Amino acid sequence: MTEPSDHSDTPAPSETVAGAESPPVAEEMSPAERAEARRYGRISLACTLADIAIDVLFLAFAAFVLARPLDSWLAGYGLLSGPRSFLRLFALFGVVYVLHLLVSVPLSFYSGYVVEHRFGLSKQSVRRWIRNLLLSNALAVLFGVVMYGGLFALMWYTGRYWWLIAAGAFFVISVILGQLAPVVLMPLFHKIERLDDPALNERMQRLAEGTGLTIEGVYRLGMSADTTKANAMLAGLGRTRRVLMGDTLLEKFSPDEIEVIFAHEIGHHVHRHIPKMIATGLVISLVGFWLCDQLIVWWAGVPIISDAPTSSLPFVMFLLTVFQLLLGPLQNAISRHYERQCDRYALEHTGMRDAYRAAFAKLARLNKADMEPNPVEVFLLHSHPPIKERLAMAEQ
């Protein structure tokens, strides 16, 4: 539940041997640093809003202008003909996806490469940026083909209550992906290796005692090839659950700061945030797929969902994007509530308020995080509370 983006507020730990001194980092940002963080925040916000606008406008164009003529053109090819052609469905998805990628890549390069380098937050070469772009989009295409192929199979062949089955399938897939993420997906982008630090491992095990949390291991997450930012997380489900520690701040956080950070992560387990988020996702998917059922029938002008044409695919993509966008503030509010619970848990169960304050102050400086972002921005886009608010919690 920590994130490298969203002006991430949860600091990453250190690979220093427990008990070693960490390099000094000033607890307070200077006026110049605060001004630079605000500039970075404003530019990042503008890029985020522009990206949302591109997504919505392009998918609206694809759904309401491009879909039917493109589908008719594809149907002219023998292998792609037929009223329920999965090959045409996948071809239509491919064309829409590639066109969207071409439209959005310039902004992605500017926000993910140019801006990050301008503020000294990125170590990526252009070659590695392109490599990650291609890899992430290859995975997105794979997941998209499986997801939309599955949705249309359910629409066409399971009857009017297909959306119930789709929500159940979404639930199962969420659990599977939660298990696979730290062992299959994340290693595609970052090197992950077990952290051999007995003293640190002992601290982690001691913190986990009595919580019912079983940790498979503590791992070093190789973020430094891409960024100077920091992160730490409790990832995976069941046998794949593990602590991932970014290597970008491994020499800047003291053992006490690491302990506070890990206590925060344990808070997610103690408060059962992962099961709650999965259950919330199930409810959201039920509502979302039911709305799709109603609106697709209206858009396509068909009596029942099983008659939905392949040309309705871009409309489904548009609906799911807008639905997720509208739900964003609610989901972010829930996430911020969870993060506050975990902050309180870390403070109460470690009692190390100075280490807590130092860790978040370091994160603010090193990640160029705006200490006091606009409340409207926080409400709409932030999954974590502002750092100033989290620091104030230590004073209570």
Protein backbone atom coordinates (compact mmCIF):
# COMPACT_ATOMS: atom_id res chain seq x y z
CA MET A 1 0.00 0.00 0.00
CA THR A 2 2.77 2.43 -0.47
CA GLU A 3 3.35 3.91 -3.86
CA PRO A 4 6.29 5.33 -5.77
CA SER A 5 4.06 7.94 -7.33
CA ASP A 6 1.13 10.05 -6.09
CA HIS A 7 3.82 12.14 -4.36
CA SER A 8 4.30 8.99 -2.26
CA ASP A 9 4.42 9.67 1.42
CA THR A 10 5.74 6.42 2.85
CA PRO A 11 9.49 6.35 3.16
CA ALA A 12 11.74 3.48 2.22
CA PRO A 13 14.15 1.76 4.55
CA SER A 14 17.87 1.31 4.66
CA GLU A 15 20.15 -1.62 4.03
CA THR A 16 22.54 -0.38 6.69
CA VAL A 17 23.36 -2.92 9.35
CA ALA A 18 21.03 -2.51 12.29
CA GLY A 19 22.61 -0.23 14.84
CA ALA A 20 24.72 1.67 12.30
CA GLU A 21 24.45 5.41 12.00
CA SER A 22 22.66 6.81 8.97
CA PRO A 23 24.02 9.86 7.17
CA PRO A 24 22.58 13.09 8.51
CA VAL A 25 19.65 14.53 6.61
CA ALA A 26 18.12 17.81 7.74
CA GLU A 27 14.68 17.28 9.21
CA GLU A 28 13.19 20.44 7.75
CA MET A 29 13.09 21.45 4.12
CA SER A 30 14.63 24.81 3.38
CA PRO A 31 12.48 27.53 1.77
CA ALA A 32 14.22 26.86 -1.55
CA GLU A 33 13.52 23.13 -1.28
CA ARG A 34 9.88 23.75 -0.41
CA ALA A 35 9.54 26.05 -3.44
CA GLU A 36 11.11 23.44 -5.71
CA ALA A 37 8.81 20.75 -4.31
CA ARG A 38 5.81 22.97 -5.01
CA ARG A 39 6.99 23.53 -8.61
CA TYR A 40 7.46 19.81 -9.09
CA GLY A 41 4.04 19.15 -7.61
CA ARG A 42 2.35 21.68 -9.89
CA ILE A 43 3.97 20.26 -13.01
CA SER A 44 3.16 16.68 -11.96
CA LEU A 45 -0.44 17.67 -11.29
CA ALA A 46 -0.75 19.32 -14.70
CA CYS A 47 0.65 16.20 -16.36
CA THR A 48 -1.76 13.97 -14.42
CA LEU A 49 -4.78 16.07 -15.40
CA ALA A 50 -3.63 16.20 -19.03
CA ASP A 51 -3.20 12.42 -19.05
CA ILE A 52 -6.72 11.93 -17.69
CA ALA A 53 -8.11 14.30 -20.32
CA ILE A 54 -6.29 12.46 -23.12
CA ASP A 55 -7.61 9.10 -21.93
CA VAL A 56 -11.22 10.25 -21.66
CA LEU A 57 -11.30 12.28 -24.88
CA PHE A 58 -9.56 9.64 -26.97
CA LEU A 59 -11.73 6.79 -25.71
CA ALA A 60 -14.85 8.92 -26.25
CA PHE A 61 -13.72 9.50 -29.84
CA ALA A 62 -13.00 5.78 -30.27
CA ALA A 63 -16.40 4.79 -28.83
CA PHE A 64 -18.67 7.33 -30.53
CA VAL A 65 -16.87 8.06 -33.81
CA LEU A 66 -14.32 5.39 -34.67
CA ALA A 67 -15.83 2.14 -33.40
CA ARG A 68 -18.51 1.30 -35.97
CA PRO A 69 -16.64 2.21 -39.19
CA LEU A 70 -13.47 0.52 -37.91
CA ASP A 71 -15.41 -2.61 -36.96
CA SER A 72 -17.10 -2.68 -40.39
CA TRP A 73 -13.73 -2.32 -42.12
CA LEU A 74 -12.22 -5.18 -40.08
CA ALA A 75 -15.26 -7.37 -40.81
CA GLY A 76 -14.34 -7.20 -44.50
CA TYR A 77 -11.46 -9.59 -43.88
CA GLY A 78 -12.56 -13.23 -44.06
CA LEU A 79 -11.01 -14.44 -40.80
CA LEU A 80 -12.44 -11.46 -38.96
CA SER A 81 -16.01 -11.72 -40.22
CA GLY A 82 -19.00 -13.01 -38.26
CA PRO A 83 -21.22 -11.48 -35.57
CA ARG A 84 -19.26 -12.91 -32.61
CA SER A 85 -15.71 -12.93 -33.90
CA PHE A 86 -13.12 -12.93 -31.15
CA LEU A 87 -10.41 -12.36 -33.74
CA ARG A 88 -12.13 -9.13 -34.83
CA LEU A 89 -12.64 -8.17 -31.19
CA PHE A 90 -8.92 -8.57 -30.51
CA ALA A 91 -7.99 -6.75 -33.72
CA LEU A 92 -10.28 -3.86 -32.75
CA PHE A 93 -8.72 -3.74 -29.29
CA GLY A 94 -5.24 -3.74 -30.83
CA VAL A 95 -5.99 -0.85 -33.18
CA VAL A 96 -7.60 1.26 -30.44
CA TYR A 97 -4.79 0.51 -28.00
CA VAL A 98 -2.02 1.37 -30.46
CA LEU A 99 -3.70 4.63 -31.50
CA HIS A 100 -4.14 5.58 -27.85
CA LEU A 101 -0.50 4.77 -27.17
CA LEU A 102 0.64 6.99 -30.04
CA VAL A 103 -1.47 9.86 -28.71
CA SER A 104 -0.32 9.51 -25.11
CA VAL A 105 3.40 8.68 -25.49
CA PRO A 106 4.61 12.30 -25.85
CA LEU A 107 3.05 13.27 -22.53
CA SER A 108 4.29 10.06 -20.91
CA PHE A 109 7.83 10.83 -22.02
CA TYR A 110 7.61 14.42 -20.81
CA SER A 111 6.16 13.54 -17.39
CA GLY A 112 8.04 10.30 -16.80
CA TYR A 113 11.42 11.23 -18.25
CA VAL A 114 11.89 14.95 -18.89
CA VAL A 115 10.28 16.27 -15.69
CA GLU A 116 11.85 13.60 -13.47
CA HIS A 117 15.32 14.39 -14.86
CA ARG A 118 14.75 18.12 -14.61
CA PHE A 119 14.17 17.81 -10.87
CA GLY A 120 16.95 15.27 -10.35
CA LEU A 121 14.61 12.42 -9.46
CA SER A 122 15.35 10.01 -12.31
CA LYS A 123 18.38 7.94 -13.26
CA GLN A 124 16.77 6.32 -16.29
CA SER A 125 18.43 6.37 -19.66
CA VAL A 126 16.20 6.90 -22.69
CA ARG A 127 16.86 3.29 -23.63
CA ARG A 128 15.66 1.99 -20.25
CA TRP A 129 12.63 4.28 -20.34
CA ILE A 130 11.66 2.86 -23.74
CA ARG A 131 12.29 -0.67 -22.50
CA ASN A 132 9.98 -0.16 -19.51
CA LEU A 133 7.36 1.49 -21.73
CA LEU A 134 7.36 -1.45 -24.15
CA LEU A 135 7.28 -4.01 -21.35
CA SER A 136 4.46 -2.33 -19.43
CA ASN A 137 2.39 -1.95 -22.59
CA ALA A 138 3.03 -5.55 -23.63
CA LEU A 139 1.64 -6.64 -20.25
CA ALA A 140 -1.29 -4.24 -20.65
CA VAL A 141 -2.11 -5.71 -24.06
CA LEU A 142 -1.92 -9.25 -22.66
CA PHE A 143 -4.20 -8.41 -19.73
CA GLY A 144 -6.50 -6.42 -22.02
CA VAL A 145 -6.95 -9.30 -24.44
CA VAL A 146 -7.72 -11.70 -21.58
CA MET A 147 -10.04 -9.28 -19.78
CA TYR A 148 -12.05 -8.01 -22.73
CA GLY A 149 -12.12 -11.41 -24.40
CA GLY A 150 -13.47 -12.84 -21.15
CA LEU A 151 -16.05 -10.07 -20.72
CA PHE A 152 -17.44 -10.48 -24.22
CA ALA A 153 -17.48 -14.26 -23.88
CA LEU A 154 -19.61 -13.81 -20.76
CA MET A 155 -21.88 -11.28 -22.50
CA TRP A 156 -22.39 -13.48 -25.51
CA TYR A 157 -22.75 -16.90 -23.90
CA THR A 158 -23.86 -16.68 -20.25
CA GLY A 159 -27.06 -14.65 -20.45
CA ARG A 160 -28.43 -11.57 -18.77
CA TYR A 161 -26.63 -12.09 -15.47
CA TRP A 162 -23.17 -12.16 -17.03
CA TRP A 163 -22.16 -9.20 -14.85
CA LEU A 164 -22.48 -11.30 -11.69
CA ILE A 165 -20.10 -13.88 -13.11
CA ALA A 166 -17.76 -11.13 -14.32
CA ALA A 167 -17.58 -9.61 -10.82
CA GLY A 168 -16.78 -13.04 -9.34
CA ALA A 169 -14.07 -13.61 -11.94
CA PHE A 170 -12.64 -10.17 -11.20
CA PHE A 171 -12.45 -11.10 -7.52
CA VAL A 172 -10.58 -14.35 -8.24
CA ILE A 173 -8.18 -12.63 -10.64
CA SER A 174 -7.47 -9.89 -8.05
CA VAL A 175 -6.44 -12.51 -5.52
CA ILE A 176 -4.25 -14.33 -8.05
CA LEU A 177 -2.53 -11.13 -9.17
CA GLY A 178 -1.99 -10.17 -5.53
CA GLN A 179 -0.09 -13.42 -5.07
CA LEU A 180 1.88 -13.19 -8.31
CA ALA A 181 2.81 -9.49 -8.22
CA PRO A 182 5.95 -9.69 -6.03
CA VAL A 183 7.27 -12.94 -7.57
CA VAL A 184 6.35 -12.59 -11.26
CA LEU A 185 5.38 -9.04 -12.25
CA MET A 186 7.58 -6.74 -10.15
CA PRO A 187 10.84 -8.59 -10.98
CA LEU A 188 10.24 -7.71 -14.63
CA PHE A 189 10.91 -4.05 -13.78
CA HIS A 190 13.16 -4.16 -10.71
CA LYS A 191 15.79 -6.53 -9.40
CA ILE A 192 14.57 -8.19 -6.21
CA GLU A 193 16.88 -10.12 -3.92
CA ARG A 194 16.69 -11.33 -0.36
CA LEU A 195 18.18 -8.90 2.14
CA ASP A 196 20.78 -10.67 4.26
CA ASP A 197 20.71 -8.64 7.46
CA PRO A 198 20.06 -10.80 10.54
CA ALA A 199 19.63 -7.80 12.85
CA LEU A 200 17.09 -6.20 10.56
CA ASN A 201 15.25 -9.48 10.06
CA GLU A 202 15.11 -9.92 13.83
CA ARG A 203 13.50 -6.49 14.20
CA MET A 204 10.91 -7.38 11.58
CA GLN A 205 10.06 -10.70 13.18
CA ARG A 206 9.75 -9.07 16.60
CA LEU A 207 7.36 -6.45 15.25
CA ALA A 208 5.26 -9.13 13.56
CA GLU A 209 4.90 -11.27 16.70
CA GLY A 210 1.34 -11.56 17.91
CA THR A 211 -0.17 -10.01 14.78
CA GLY A 212 -0.76 -13.24 12.86
CA LEU A 213 1.42 -11.91 10.06
CA THR A 214 3.67 -14.49 8.42
CA ILE A 215 6.49 -12.92 6.42
CA GLU A 216 8.16 -15.00 3.71
CA GLY A 217 11.23 -12.76 3.82
CA VAL A 218 12.69 -9.28 3.62
CA TYR A 219 13.84 -8.26 0.14
CA ARG A 220 15.85 -5.48 -1.46
CA LEU A 221 13.95 -3.75 -4.28
CA GLY A 222 16.33 -2.37 -6.89
CA MET A 223 14.77 1.00 -7.64
CA SER A 224 18.04 2.89 -8.10
CA ALA A 225 18.34 2.00 -11.79
CA ASP A 226 15.30 4.20 -12.41
CA THR A 227 14.85 6.74 -9.65
CA THR A 228 16.24 8.49 -6.60
CA LYS A 229 12.81 8.27 -4.95
CA ALA A 230 12.12 5.83 -2.16
CA ASN A 231 9.50 3.29 -1.29
CA ALA A 232 8.82 0.34 0.97
CA MET A 233 5.92 -2.06 0.94
CA LEU A 234 4.37 -5.20 2.27
CA ALA A 235 3.50 -7.12 -0.91
CA GLY A 236 1.93 -10.42 -1.86
CA LEU A 237 -0.66 -12.74 -0.37
CA GLY A 238 -0.27 -16.00 1.50
CA ARG A 239 3.04 -17.69 0.78
CA THR A 240 4.28 -14.83 -1.39
CA ARG A 241 3.85 -12.13 1.30
CA ARG A 242 7.14 -10.31 1.76
CA VAL A 243 8.68 -7.01 2.76
CA LEU A 244 10.16 -5.07 -0.16
CA MET A 245 12.61 -2.31 0.65
CA GLY A 246 13.78 0.15 -1.96
CA ASP A 247 17.52 0.42 -2.35
CA THR A 248 17.40 4.13 -3.16
CA LEU A 249 17.54 5.19 0.48
CA LEU A 250 19.39 2.23 1.90
CA GLU A 251 22.16 4.43 3.29
CA LYS A 252 19.95 7.24 4.55
CA PHE A 253 17.52 5.63 6.99
CA SER A 254 18.45 4.48 10.46
CA PRO A 255 17.36 1.14 11.93
CA ASP A 256 14.83 2.96 14.15
CA GLU A 257 13.33 4.68 11.10
CA ILE A 258 13.13 1.33 9.33
CA GLU A 259 11.32 -0.13 12.33
CA VAL A 260 8.73 2.65 12.30
CA ILE A 261 8.20 2.19 8.56
CA PHE A 262 7.73 -1.54 8.91
CA ALA A 263 5.35 -1.06 11.83
CA HIS A 264 3.26 1.09 9.49
CA GLU A 265 3.16 -1.78 6.99
CA ILE A 266 2.15 -4.23 9.71
CA GLY A 267 -0.72 -1.89 10.45
CA HIS A 268 -2.20 -2.73 7.06
CA HIS A 269 -2.26 -6.39 8.10
CA VAL A 270 -3.59 -5.77 11.61
CA HIS A 271 -6.43 -3.62 10.28
CA ARG A 272 -7.10 -6.17 7.49
CA HIS A 273 -6.85 -3.56 4.78
CA ILE A 274 -6.03 -5.99 1.97
CA PRO A 275 -9.18 -8.14 2.49
CA LYS A 276 -11.23 -4.97 2.87
CA MET A 277 -9.86 -3.57 -0.39
CA ILE A 278 -10.55 -6.82 -2.21
CA ALA A 279 -14.12 -6.85 -0.84
CA THR A 280 -14.54 -3.21 -1.87
CA GLY A 281 -13.26 -4.09 -5.32
CA LEU A 282 -15.89 -6.84 -5.57
CA VAL A 283 -18.70 -4.40 -4.77
CA ILE A 284 -17.32 -1.83 -7.20
CA SER A 285 -16.99 -4.42 -9.95
CA LEU A 286 -20.59 -5.56 -9.40
CA VAL A 287 -21.85 -2.00 -9.84
CA GLY A 288 -19.51 -1.29 -12.74
CA PHE A 289 -20.36 -4.38 -14.76
CA TRP A 290 -24.10 -3.92 -14.10
CA LEU A 291 -23.85 -0.36 -15.46
CA CYS A 292 -21.98 -1.72 -18.47
CA ASP A 293 -24.82 -4.17 -19.06
CA GLN A 294 -27.42 -1.41 -19.04
CA LEU A 295 -25.46 1.11 -21.08
CA ILE A 296 -24.15 -1.30 -23.72
CA VAL A 297 -27.69 -2.39 -24.55
CA TRP A 298 -28.65 1.28 -24.91
CA TRP A 299 -25.58 2.25 -26.96
CA ALA A 300 -25.74 -0.75 -29.32
CA GLY A 301 -29.52 -0.59 -29.71
CA VAL A 302 -29.93 -4.32 -29.05
CA PRO A 303 -32.66 -6.02 -26.99
CA ILE A 304 -30.30 -8.17 -24.89
CA ILE A 305 -26.60 -8.10 -24.03
CA SER A 306 -25.88 -11.34 -25.91
CA ASP A 307 -26.53 -9.39 -29.14
CA ALA A 308 -23.85 -6.80 -28.33
CA PRO A 309 -21.66 -6.26 -31.42
CA THR A 310 -17.87 -6.28 -31.38
CA SER A 311 -18.03 -2.56 -32.17
CA SER A 312 -19.17 -1.95 -28.58
CA LEU A 313 -15.68 -2.78 -27.27
CA PRO A 314 -14.38 0.84 -27.35
CA PHE A 315 -17.57 1.91 -25.56
CA VAL A 316 -16.87 -0.64 -22.81
CA MET A 317 -13.31 0.68 -22.52
CA PHE A 318 -14.66 4.22 -22.25
CA LEU A 319 -17.25 3.24 -19.63
CA LEU A 320 -14.77 1.45 -17.38
CA THR A 321 -12.31 4.35 -17.61
CA VAL A 322 -14.92 6.97 -16.69
CA PHE A 323 -16.36 4.77 -13.94
CA GLN A 324 -12.92 4.34 -12.38
CA LEU A 325 -12.26 8.06 -12.69
CA LEU A 326 -15.50 8.97 -10.93
CA LEU A 327 -14.80 6.46 -8.15
CA GLY A 328 -11.25 7.74 -7.69
CA PRO A 329 -12.00 10.33 -4.96
CA LEU A 330 -13.93 7.78 -2.89
CA GLN A 331 -11.21 5.14 -3.22
CA ASN A 332 -8.54 7.70 -2.37
CA ALA A 333 -10.49 8.80 0.71
CA ILE A 334 -10.65 5.20 1.91
CA SER A 335 -6.93 4.76 1.22
CA ARG A 336 -6.04 7.91 3.16
CA HIS A 337 -8.10 6.63 6.08
CA TYR A 338 -6.19 3.35 5.99
CA GLU A 339 -2.85 5.18 5.89
CA ARG A 340 -3.79 7.25 8.95
CA GLN A 341 -4.72 4.08 10.81
CA CYS A 342 -1.31 2.61 9.99
CA ASP A 343 0.51 5.77 11.03
CA ARG A 344 -1.23 5.64 14.41
CA TYR A 345 -0.42 1.95 14.73
CA ALA A 346 3.29 2.61 14.03
CA LEU A 347 3.45 5.43 16.58
CA GLU A 348 1.60 3.49 19.27
CA HIS A 349 3.49 0.22 18.86
CA THR A 350 7.01 1.62 18.54
CA GLY A 351 6.77 4.79 20.61
CA MET A 352 9.54 6.22 18.41
CA ARG A 353 8.05 9.58 17.50
CA ASP A 354 11.41 11.15 16.65
CA ALA A 355 12.22 8.33 14.23
CA TYR A 356 8.74 8.68 12.69
CA ARG A 357 9.19 12.43 12.16
CA ALA A 358 12.71 12.02 10.80
CA ALA A 359 11.65 9.36 8.30
CA PHE A 360 8.84 11.45 6.81
CA ALA A 361 10.95 14.61 6.80
CA LYS A 362 13.66 12.79 4.90
CA LEU A 363 11.13 11.48 2.43
CA ALA A 364 9.80 14.97 1.82
CA ARG A 365 13.27 16.29 1.06
CA LEU A 366 14.48 13.40 -1.08
CA ASN A 367 11.23 12.89 -3.03
CA LYS A 368 10.57 16.61 -3.38
CA ALA A 369 7.11 16.10 -1.91
CA ASP A 370 4.88 19.12 -1.46
CA MET A 371 4.26 19.29 2.28
CA GLU A 372 0.94 21.14 1.85
CA PRO A 373 -0.71 20.32 -1.48
CA ASN A 374 -4.00 21.91 -2.43
CA PRO A 375 -6.87 20.23 -0.51
CA VAL A 376 -8.85 19.80 -3.74
CA GLU A 377 -5.89 17.99 -5.29
CA VAL A 378 -5.62 15.76 -2.24
CA PHE A 379 -9.35 14.98 -2.34
CA LEU A 380 -9.34 14.08 -6.03
CA LEU A 381 -5.99 12.39 -6.58
CA HIS A 382 -4.00 11.51 -3.45
CA SER A 383 -4.11 8.05 -1.92
CA HIS A 384 -1.92 9.20 1.00
CA PRO A 385 -2.41 12.12 3.43
CA PRO A 386 -0.09 15.13 2.98
CA ILE A 387 3.22 14.74 4.79
CA LYS A 388 2.58 17.80 6.97
CA GLU A 389 -0.58 16.14 8.29
CA ARG A 390 1.30 12.91 8.98
CA LEU A 391 4.07 14.75 10.80
CA ALA A 392 1.46 16.53 12.92
CA MET A 393 0.13 13.16 14.01
CA ALA A 394 3.39 12.55 15.88
CA GLU A 395 2.74 15.66 17.97
CA GLN A 396 -0.67 14.49 19.16
